[in-house]
Amino acid sequence: MESVRSQEEVASLYQRHVDMVYQICLMLMKNVPDAEDAVQTVFRKVMEYDKPFRDHEHERAWLIVTARNECRNQLKHWWRTRRESEETLNGLTWEQPEDGALWETILRLPEKHRLVLYLHYYQGYTALETAEILGKNPSTVRGWLVQARGKLKELLEVEEYG
């Protein structure tokens, strides 16, 4: 399919958001090669998306939802369900290196909890904004945040005292 956006527009959008899209994909796919494939597909979809983005927030929200949906589609694909075992993450590189150990613990949480924690703490979205992006009720997102923080605290205490 031919790109409906200029090469410069796609390159600019890629530079602004590739780190965020990659982190979401890595968080959901749990391995680097699959996350990289998903990122590539997300930005291919950007090139094919024929509607203009209203503003910067619409652009980010569209990318977050598209990345999540792409990862979910890949995870449901028949060949993934027949693999022997998933590779474990070997050292994530984050903007803040001290987050590495914490992030490894976050990755052990269920998808909904990982995603709301990432959007809230790493991307700075409010619970209301996260709810809009995910198409969920704000009270559901707030509940997921409370559950996620509780489970994260339990996991960290087990690691610390275990």
Protein backbone atom coordinates (compact mmCIF):
# COMPACT_ATOMS: atom_id res chain seq x y z
CA MET A 1 0.00 0.00 0.00
CA GLU A 2 1.28 3.46 -0.83
CA SER A 3 2.02 5.95 1.94
CA VAL A 4 -0.50 8.77 2.35
CA ARG A 5 1.90 10.80 4.51
CA SER A 6 5.08 12.48 3.35
CA GLN A 7 8.38 10.83 4.14
CA GLU A 8 9.32 13.85 6.28
CA GLU A 9 6.06 13.68 8.25
CA VAL A 10 6.50 9.98 8.99
CA ALA A 11 10.17 10.47 9.92
CA SER A 12 9.27 13.29 12.31
CA LEU A 13 6.43 11.29 13.88
CA TYR A 14 8.77 8.28 14.20
CA GLN A 15 11.47 10.33 15.95
CA ARG A 16 8.97 11.80 18.41
CA HIS A 17 7.30 8.53 19.37
CA VAL A 18 9.44 5.48 18.56
CA ASP A 19 10.73 5.11 22.13
CA MET A 20 7.22 5.15 23.60
CA VAL A 21 5.87 2.69 21.00
CA TYR A 22 8.86 0.39 21.49
CA GLN A 23 8.45 0.37 25.28
CA ILE A 24 4.75 -0.50 24.96
CA CYS A 25 5.49 -3.28 22.47
CA LEU A 26 8.35 -4.66 24.56
CA MET A 27 6.18 -4.60 27.66
CA LEU A 28 3.43 -6.56 25.90
CA MET A 29 5.51 -8.88 23.69
CA LYS A 30 8.16 -9.55 26.38
CA ASN A 31 10.99 -10.05 23.88
CA VAL A 32 13.04 -7.73 21.71
CA PRO A 33 12.61 -9.28 18.22
CA ASP A 34 8.81 -9.47 18.47
CA ALA A 35 8.63 -5.95 19.93
CA GLU A 36 10.75 -4.61 17.06
CA ASP A 37 8.48 -6.33 14.52
CA ALA A 38 5.41 -4.84 16.18
CA VAL A 39 6.95 -1.33 16.18
CA GLN A 40 7.72 -1.66 12.48
CA THR A 41 4.12 -2.68 11.79
CA VAL A 42 2.73 0.21 13.87
CA PHE A 43 4.72 2.76 11.88
CA ARG A 44 3.73 1.08 8.61
CA LYS A 45 0.12 1.60 9.73
CA VAL A 46 0.95 5.27 10.41
CA MET A 47 2.00 5.61 6.77
CA GLU A 48 -1.29 4.05 5.64
CA TYR A 49 -3.54 6.00 8.04
CA ASP A 50 -5.21 8.52 5.77
CA LYS A 51 -6.76 10.85 8.35
CA PRO A 52 -4.87 13.79 9.85
CA PHE A 53 -4.19 13.75 13.57
CA ARG A 54 -6.09 16.50 15.40
CA ASP A 55 -3.17 17.35 17.67
CA HIS A 56 -0.14 15.90 19.43
CA GLU A 57 -2.27 14.07 22.04
CA HIS A 58 -4.45 12.46 19.36
CA GLU A 59 -1.27 11.30 17.61
CA ARG A 60 0.11 9.75 20.84
CA ALA A 61 -3.19 8.14 21.78
CA TRP A 62 -3.58 6.66 18.27
CA LEU A 63 -0.06 5.20 18.48
CA ILE A 64 -0.65 3.73 21.95
CA VAL A 65 -3.90 2.05 20.91
CA THR A 66 -2.43 0.84 17.60
CA ALA A 67 0.64 -0.58 19.37
CA ARG A 68 -1.50 -2.37 21.95
CA ASN A 69 -3.80 -3.79 19.27
CA GLU A 70 -0.90 -4.91 17.07
CA CYS A 71 0.75 -6.70 19.98
CA ARG A 72 -2.50 -8.38 20.97
CA ASN A 73 -3.03 -9.53 17.39
CA GLN A 74 0.47 -10.95 17.21
CA LEU A 75 0.08 -12.68 20.57
CA LYS A 76 -3.16 -14.33 19.39
CA HIS A 77 -1.57 -15.55 16.15
CA TRP A 78 -1.56 -19.35 15.82
CA TRP A 79 2.22 -19.73 15.58
CA ARG A 80 2.79 -18.01 18.94
CA THR A 81 0.52 -20.44 20.75
CA ARG A 82 2.57 -23.40 19.47
CA ARG A 83 6.03 -22.20 20.46
CA GLU A 84 7.98 -24.18 23.02
CA SER A 85 8.60 -21.31 25.46
CA GLU A 86 8.95 -17.55 25.49
CA GLU A 87 12.37 -15.97 25.87
CA THR A 88 12.93 -14.02 29.04
CA LEU A 89 13.92 -10.40 28.92
CA ASN A 90 17.65 -9.89 29.17
CA GLY A 91 18.32 -6.40 30.43
CA LEU A 92 15.98 -3.67 29.32
CA THR A 93 17.40 -0.27 28.52
CA TRP A 94 15.24 2.54 29.83
CA GLU A 95 15.71 6.28 29.95
CA GLN A 96 16.35 5.96 33.67
CA PRO A 97 18.67 2.98 34.33
CA GLU A 98 17.65 2.76 37.97
CA ASP A 99 14.17 1.70 36.77
CA GLY A 100 15.53 -1.60 35.36
CA ALA A 101 14.88 -3.78 38.41
CA LEU A 102 11.51 -2.14 39.04
CA TRP A 103 10.54 -2.59 35.40
CA GLU A 104 11.39 -6.30 35.51
CA THR A 105 8.95 -6.61 38.40
CA ILE A 106 6.28 -4.59 36.55
CA LEU A 107 6.59 -7.01 33.60
CA ARG A 108 5.41 -9.83 35.87
CA LEU A 109 2.04 -8.11 36.34
CA PRO A 110 -1.00 -8.83 34.11
CA GLU A 111 -1.19 -6.83 30.86
CA LYS A 112 -3.90 -4.41 32.04
CA HIS A 113 -1.84 -3.51 35.11
CA ARG A 114 1.41 -3.13 33.15
CA LEU A 115 -0.27 -0.88 30.61
CA VAL A 116 -1.97 1.47 33.09
CA LEU A 117 1.22 1.78 35.16
CA TYR A 118 3.24 2.57 32.04
CA LEU A 119 0.76 5.15 30.72
CA HIS A 120 0.35 6.79 34.13
CA TYR A 121 3.91 6.82 35.49
CA TYR A 122 6.08 6.67 32.39
CA GLN A 123 3.96 8.68 29.96
CA GLY A 124 2.27 10.99 32.50
CA TYR A 125 -1.36 10.36 31.54
CA THR A 126 -4.06 10.88 34.16
CA ALA A 127 -6.50 8.07 34.93
CA LEU A 128 -9.15 9.90 32.89
CA GLU A 129 -6.83 10.27 29.88
CA THR A 130 -5.75 6.62 30.19
CA ALA A 131 -9.41 5.57 30.28
CA GLU A 132 -10.10 7.54 27.09
CA ILE A 133 -7.10 5.99 25.33
CA LEU A 134 -8.04 2.45 26.36
CA GLY A 135 -11.78 2.92 25.87
CA LYS A 136 -12.50 2.04 29.50
CA ASN A 137 -14.44 3.64 32.31
CA PRO A 138 -12.25 6.00 34.40
CA SER A 139 -13.22 4.18 37.60
CA THR A 140 -12.04 0.90 36.01
CA VAL A 141 -8.66 2.45 35.22
CA ARG A 142 -8.37 3.88 38.73
CA GLY A 143 -9.20 0.43 40.12
CA TRP A 144 -6.56 -1.17 37.91
CA LEU A 145 -4.00 1.38 39.11
CA VAL A 146 -4.81 0.60 42.75
CA GLN A 147 -4.63 -3.16 42.07
CA ALA A 148 -1.40 -2.77 40.10
CA ARG A 149 0.28 -0.75 42.84
CA GLY A 150 -0.84 -3.31 45.44
CA LYS A 151 0.45 -6.27 43.44
CA LEU A 152 3.67 -4.41 42.66
CA LYS A 153 4.18 -3.67 46.36
CA GLU A 154 3.63 -7.36 47.22
CA LEU A 155 6.12 -8.50 44.58
CA LEU A 156 8.72 -5.98 45.71
CA GLU A 157 8.32 -6.99 49.35
CA VAL A 158 8.73 -10.67 48.47
CA GLU A 159 11.89 -9.87 46.51
CA GLU A 160 13.26 -7.69 49.31
CA TYR A 161 12.51 -10.05 52.20
CA GLY A 162 12.06 -13.33 50.31
